[in-house]
Amino acid sequence: MPVLKLIAMPTVLSIIAMAAYLVAIVRVLTYRKQGARHRPHVSWTAWALVAVLGGSAIEMALHVQSVGFLEACRATLLALFVSCVRGNVACLMRSWSK
């Protein structure tokens, strides 16, 4: 029975991390600025965030066994932060600079 538990754990962690990455990507891509002014540096940061998250999701899909507990936690926290600001990358950057 313990062998089955060890085999299933990386798969569960990879599903959690993959779902978190996809939630964060979709949330950033579906953000509507609703009259806010365009800021190029924020747009580039949002583009880089989507590119890195997408690359991480692709890499994770190719190497399922290499997903650890901390990577799943990191992906979940990032998805939580992005969801809390409703995909507004400018709000994330503003909170870092305070």
N, C-alpha and C. Protein backbone atom coordinates (compact mmCIF):
# COMPACT_ATOMS: atom_id res chain seq x y z
N MET A 1 0.80 -1.20 0.00
CA MET A 1 0.00 0.00 0.00
C MET A 1 0.85 1.28 0.00
N PRO A 2 1.96 1.39 0.76
CA PRO A 2 2.76 2.61 0.72
C PRO A 2 3.37 2.88 -0.65
N VAL A 3 3.66 1.83 -1.42
CA VAL A 3 4.23 2.04 -2.76
C VAL A 3 3.23 2.76 -3.64
N LEU A 4 1.96 2.41 -3.57
CA LEU A 4 0.93 3.05 -4.35
C LEU A 4 0.81 4.53 -3.98
N LYS A 5 0.95 4.83 -2.70
CA LYS A 5 0.86 6.21 -2.23
C LYS A 5 2.02 7.04 -2.77
N LEU A 6 3.22 6.48 -2.82
CA LEU A 6 4.37 7.20 -3.34
C LEU A 6 4.26 7.43 -4.84
N ILE A 7 3.67 6.52 -5.55
CA ILE A 7 3.53 6.68 -6.99
C ILE A 7 2.47 7.73 -7.32
N ALA A 8 1.39 7.78 -6.56
CA ALA A 8 0.28 8.68 -6.86
C ALA A 8 0.55 10.11 -6.45
N MET A 9 1.43 10.36 -5.49
CA MET A 9 1.64 11.70 -4.98
C MET A 9 2.15 12.69 -6.02
N PRO A 10 3.18 12.37 -6.82
CA PRO A 10 3.62 13.35 -7.83
C PRO A 10 2.54 13.66 -8.86
N THR A 11 1.70 12.69 -9.17
CA THR A 11 0.63 12.93 -10.12
C THR A 11 -0.39 13.91 -9.55
N VAL A 12 -0.74 13.76 -8.29
CA VAL A 12 -1.69 14.68 -7.65
C VAL A 12 -1.08 16.08 -7.59
N LEU A 13 0.18 16.17 -7.21
CA LEU A 13 0.84 17.47 -7.15
C LEU A 13 0.94 18.12 -8.52
N SER A 14 1.20 17.32 -9.54
CA SER A 14 1.30 17.90 -10.88
C SER A 14 -0.06 18.37 -11.37
N ILE A 15 -1.13 17.69 -11.03
CA ILE A 15 -2.47 18.14 -11.41
C ILE A 15 -2.81 19.45 -10.70
N ILE A 16 -2.47 19.54 -9.43
CA ILE A 16 -2.73 20.77 -8.67
C ILE A 16 -1.93 21.93 -9.26
N ALA A 17 -0.66 21.71 -9.52
CA ALA A 17 0.18 22.78 -10.06
C ALA A 17 -0.26 23.17 -11.46
N MET A 18 -0.59 22.20 -12.30
CA MET A 18 -1.04 22.50 -13.66
C MET A 18 -2.34 23.30 -13.64
N ALA A 19 -3.26 22.92 -12.79
CA ALA A 19 -4.52 23.66 -12.67
C ALA A 19 -4.27 25.09 -12.19
N ALA A 20 -3.36 25.25 -11.25
CA ALA A 20 -3.05 26.58 -10.74
C ALA A 20 -2.41 27.45 -11.82
N TYR A 21 -1.48 26.89 -12.58
CA TYR A 21 -0.88 27.66 -13.68
C TYR A 21 -1.92 28.06 -14.71
N LEU A 22 -2.80 27.15 -15.06
CA LEU A 22 -3.83 27.46 -16.05
C LEU A 22 -4.82 28.50 -15.54
N VAL A 23 -5.17 28.44 -14.28
CA VAL A 23 -6.06 29.46 -13.69
C VAL A 23 -5.40 30.83 -13.77
N ALA A 24 -4.13 30.91 -13.41
CA ALA A 24 -3.43 32.20 -13.45
C ALA A 24 -3.32 32.72 -14.87
N ILE A 25 -3.02 31.86 -15.83
CA ILE A 25 -2.91 32.28 -17.23
C ILE A 25 -4.24 32.80 -17.74
N VAL A 26 -5.30 32.05 -17.50
CA VAL A 26 -6.62 32.47 -17.98
C VAL A 26 -7.05 33.77 -17.32
N ARG A 27 -6.74 33.92 -16.04
CA ARG A 27 -7.14 35.15 -15.33
C ARG A 27 -6.42 36.37 -15.88
N VAL A 28 -5.15 36.25 -16.18
CA VAL A 28 -4.41 37.39 -16.75
C VAL A 28 -4.90 37.67 -18.17
N LEU A 29 -5.14 36.64 -18.96
CA LEU A 29 -5.57 36.84 -20.34
C LEU A 29 -6.99 37.41 -20.44
N THR A 30 -7.84 37.16 -19.47
CA THR A 30 -9.21 37.65 -19.53
C THR A 30 -9.41 38.96 -18.77
N TYR A 31 -8.35 39.59 -18.34
CA TYR A 31 -8.46 40.87 -17.61
C TYR A 31 -8.97 41.96 -18.55
N ARG A 32 -9.92 42.73 -18.09
CA ARG A 32 -10.45 43.89 -18.83
C ARG A 32 -10.11 45.14 -18.04
N LYS A 33 -9.45 46.10 -18.69
CA LYS A 33 -8.99 47.27 -17.96
C LYS A 33 -10.08 48.30 -17.69
N GLN A 34 -11.18 48.28 -18.41
CA GLN A 34 -12.35 49.14 -18.18
C GLN A 34 -11.99 50.60 -17.98
N GLY A 35 -11.36 51.18 -18.97
CA GLY A 35 -11.08 52.60 -18.96
C GLY A 35 -9.73 52.99 -18.36
N ALA A 36 -9.02 52.08 -17.78
CA ALA A 36 -7.69 52.41 -17.23
C ALA A 36 -6.73 52.70 -18.37
N ARG A 37 -5.77 53.55 -18.11
CA ARG A 37 -4.85 53.92 -19.19
C ARG A 37 -3.86 52.80 -19.46
N HIS A 38 -3.36 52.80 -20.71
CA HIS A 38 -2.42 51.77 -21.13
C HIS A 38 -1.01 52.14 -20.64
N ARG A 39 -0.38 51.20 -19.99
CA ARG A 39 1.00 51.39 -19.54
C ARG A 39 1.85 50.27 -20.14
N PRO A 40 2.79 50.64 -21.01
CA PRO A 40 3.57 49.61 -21.72
C PRO A 40 4.34 48.67 -20.79
N HIS A 41 4.92 49.18 -19.72
CA HIS A 41 5.70 48.31 -18.84
C HIS A 41 4.82 47.27 -18.14
N VAL A 42 3.58 47.63 -17.85
CA VAL A 42 2.66 46.67 -17.24
C VAL A 42 2.24 45.62 -18.27
N SER A 43 2.03 46.06 -19.51
CA SER A 43 1.68 45.11 -20.57
C SER A 43 2.80 44.11 -20.81
N TRP A 44 4.03 44.60 -20.82
CA TRP A 44 5.17 43.69 -21.02
C TRP A 44 5.31 42.73 -19.84
N THR A 45 5.06 43.21 -18.64
CA THR A 45 5.12 42.34 -17.46
C THR A 45 4.04 41.27 -17.52
N ALA A 46 2.83 41.65 -17.94
CA ALA A 46 1.75 40.68 -18.07
C ALA A 46 2.09 39.65 -19.15
N TRP A 47 2.66 40.11 -20.26
CA TRP A 47 3.07 39.19 -21.33
C TRP A 47 4.13 38.22 -20.81
N ALA A 48 5.12 38.73 -20.09
CA ALA A 48 6.18 37.87 -19.55
C ALA A 48 5.61 36.88 -18.54
N LEU A 49 4.65 37.32 -17.73
CA LEU A 49 4.03 36.42 -16.76
C LEU A 49 3.30 35.28 -17.45
N VAL A 50 2.56 35.59 -18.50
CA VAL A 50 1.84 34.55 -19.24
C VAL A 50 2.84 33.62 -19.94
N ALA A 51 3.91 34.17 -20.49
CA ALA A 51 4.91 33.34 -21.18
C ALA A 51 5.60 32.39 -20.20
N VAL A 52 5.98 32.89 -19.03
CA VAL A 52 6.66 32.05 -18.04
C VAL A 52 5.71 31.00 -17.47
N LEU A 53 4.48 31.40 -17.18
CA LEU A 53 3.51 30.44 -16.66
C LEU A 53 3.18 29.37 -17.70
N GLY A 54 3.03 29.78 -18.94
CA GLY A 54 2.78 28.82 -20.00
C GLY A 54 3.94 27.87 -20.20
N GLY A 55 5.16 28.40 -20.16
CA GLY A 55 6.35 27.55 -20.28
C GLY A 55 6.46 26.58 -19.12
N SER A 56 6.12 27.05 -17.93
CA SER A 56 6.15 26.16 -16.76
C SER A 56 5.10 25.06 -16.88
N ALA A 57 3.93 25.40 -17.40
CA ALA A 57 2.88 24.39 -17.58
C ALA A 57 3.29 23.36 -18.63
N ILE A 58 3.91 23.81 -19.71
CA ILE A 58 4.36 22.88 -20.75
C ILE A 58 5.46 21.98 -20.21
N GLU A 59 6.42 22.57 -19.50
CA GLU A 59 7.50 21.77 -18.92
C GLU A 59 6.95 20.76 -17.92
N MET A 60 5.96 21.16 -17.15
CA MET A 60 5.37 20.26 -16.18
C MET A 60 4.63 19.11 -16.87
N ALA A 61 3.98 19.42 -17.99
CA ALA A 61 3.28 18.37 -18.72
C ALA A 61 4.26 17.35 -19.30
N LEU A 62 5.46 17.79 -19.64
CA LEU A 62 6.46 16.89 -20.20
C LEU A 62 7.20 16.08 -19.14
N HIS A 63 7.34 16.65 -17.93
CA HIS A 63 8.10 16.00 -16.85
C HIS A 63 7.23 15.92 -15.60
N VAL A 64 6.25 15.06 -15.61
CA VAL A 64 5.28 14.96 -14.51
C VAL A 64 5.95 14.56 -13.21
N GLN A 65 6.89 13.65 -13.24
CA GLN A 65 7.50 13.13 -12.01
C GLN A 65 8.37 14.15 -11.28
N SER A 66 8.76 15.23 -11.94
CA SER A 66 9.67 16.18 -11.30
C SER A 66 8.94 17.25 -10.48
N VAL A 67 7.63 17.18 -10.37
CA VAL A 67 6.87 18.17 -9.62
C VAL A 67 6.93 17.83 -8.13
N GLY A 68 7.37 18.81 -7.34
CA GLY A 68 7.45 18.60 -5.91
C GLY A 68 6.38 19.37 -5.17
N PHE A 69 6.35 19.18 -3.88
CA PHE A 69 5.36 19.83 -3.03
C PHE A 69 5.50 21.35 -3.07
N LEU A 70 6.73 21.85 -3.01
CA LEU A 70 6.93 23.29 -2.99
C LEU A 70 6.57 23.95 -4.32
N GLU A 71 6.81 23.25 -5.42
CA GLU A 71 6.41 23.81 -6.71
C GLU A 71 4.89 23.90 -6.83
N ALA A 72 4.20 22.91 -6.34
CA ALA A 72 2.74 22.95 -6.34
C ALA A 72 2.22 24.07 -5.44
N CYS A 73 2.86 24.27 -4.30
CA CYS A 73 2.49 25.37 -3.41
C CYS A 73 2.76 26.72 -4.06
N ARG A 74 3.90 26.85 -4.73
CA ARG A 74 4.24 28.10 -5.40
C ARG A 74 3.24 28.43 -6.50
N ALA A 75 2.87 27.44 -7.29
CA ALA A 75 1.90 27.65 -8.36
C ALA A 75 0.54 28.04 -7.80
N THR A 76 0.15 27.39 -6.71
CA THR A 76 -1.14 27.69 -6.09
C THR A 76 -1.16 29.09 -5.51
N LEU A 77 -0.09 29.50 -4.85
CA LEU A 77 -0.02 30.86 -4.30
C LEU A 77 -0.03 31.91 -5.40
N LEU A 78 0.69 31.66 -6.47
CA LEU A 78 0.70 32.61 -7.58
C LEU A 78 -0.69 32.74 -8.19
N ALA A 79 -1.37 31.62 -8.37
CA ALA A 79 -2.74 31.66 -8.89
C ALA A 79 -3.67 32.39 -7.92
N LEU A 80 -3.45 32.20 -6.63
CA LEU A 80 -4.26 32.90 -5.63
C LEU A 80 -4.04 34.41 -5.71
N PHE A 81 -2.78 34.84 -5.81
CA PHE A 81 -2.48 36.28 -5.89
C PHE A 81 -3.08 36.90 -7.15
N VAL A 82 -2.92 36.21 -8.27
CA VAL A 82 -3.45 36.74 -9.54
C VAL A 82 -4.97 36.78 -9.50
N SER A 83 -5.58 35.78 -8.90
CA SER A 83 -7.05 35.76 -8.81
C SER A 83 -7.57 36.82 -7.85
N CYS A 84 -6.84 37.08 -6.79
CA CYS A 84 -7.28 38.10 -5.82
C CYS A 84 -7.33 39.50 -6.43
N VAL A 85 -6.42 39.79 -7.35
CA VAL A 85 -6.43 41.09 -8.01
C VAL A 85 -7.17 41.04 -9.34
N ARG A 86 -7.87 39.93 -9.60
CA ARG A 86 -8.69 39.72 -10.79
C ARG A 86 -7.89 39.88 -12.08
N GLY A 87 -6.64 39.46 -12.06
CA GLY A 87 -5.80 39.50 -13.25
C GLY A 87 -5.14 40.83 -13.52
N ASN A 88 -5.29 41.79 -12.62
CA ASN A 88 -4.72 43.12 -12.80
C ASN A 88 -3.25 43.10 -12.39
N VAL A 89 -2.36 42.98 -13.38
CA VAL A 89 -0.93 42.90 -13.11
C VAL A 89 -0.41 44.21 -12.53
N ALA A 90 -1.01 45.33 -12.93
CA ALA A 90 -0.60 46.63 -12.38
C ALA A 90 -0.84 46.67 -10.87
N CYS A 91 -1.91 46.08 -10.43
CA CYS A 91 -2.19 46.04 -8.99
C CYS A 91 -1.17 45.17 -8.26
N LEU A 92 -0.76 44.07 -8.89
CA LEU A 92 0.29 43.25 -8.28
C LEU A 92 1.60 44.03 -8.18
N MET A 93 1.93 44.76 -9.23
CA MET A 93 3.18 45.53 -9.21
C MET A 93 3.10 46.67 -8.21
N ARG A 94 1.96 47.27 -8.08
CA ARG A 94 1.78 48.37 -7.14
C ARG A 94 1.96 47.89 -5.71
N SER A 95 1.46 46.70 -5.41
CA SER A 95 1.56 46.19 -4.05
C SER A 95 3.00 45.79 -3.72
N TRP A 96 3.79 45.42 -4.74
CA TRP A 96 5.20 45.09 -4.48
C TRP A 96 6.01 46.34 -4.20
N SER A 97 5.66 47.48 -4.79
CA SER A 97 6.49 48.66 -4.65
C SER A 97 6.25 49.42 -3.35
N LYS A 98 5.23 49.06 -2.59
CA LYS A 98 4.96 49.76 -1.32
C LYS A 98 5.87 49.31 -0.23
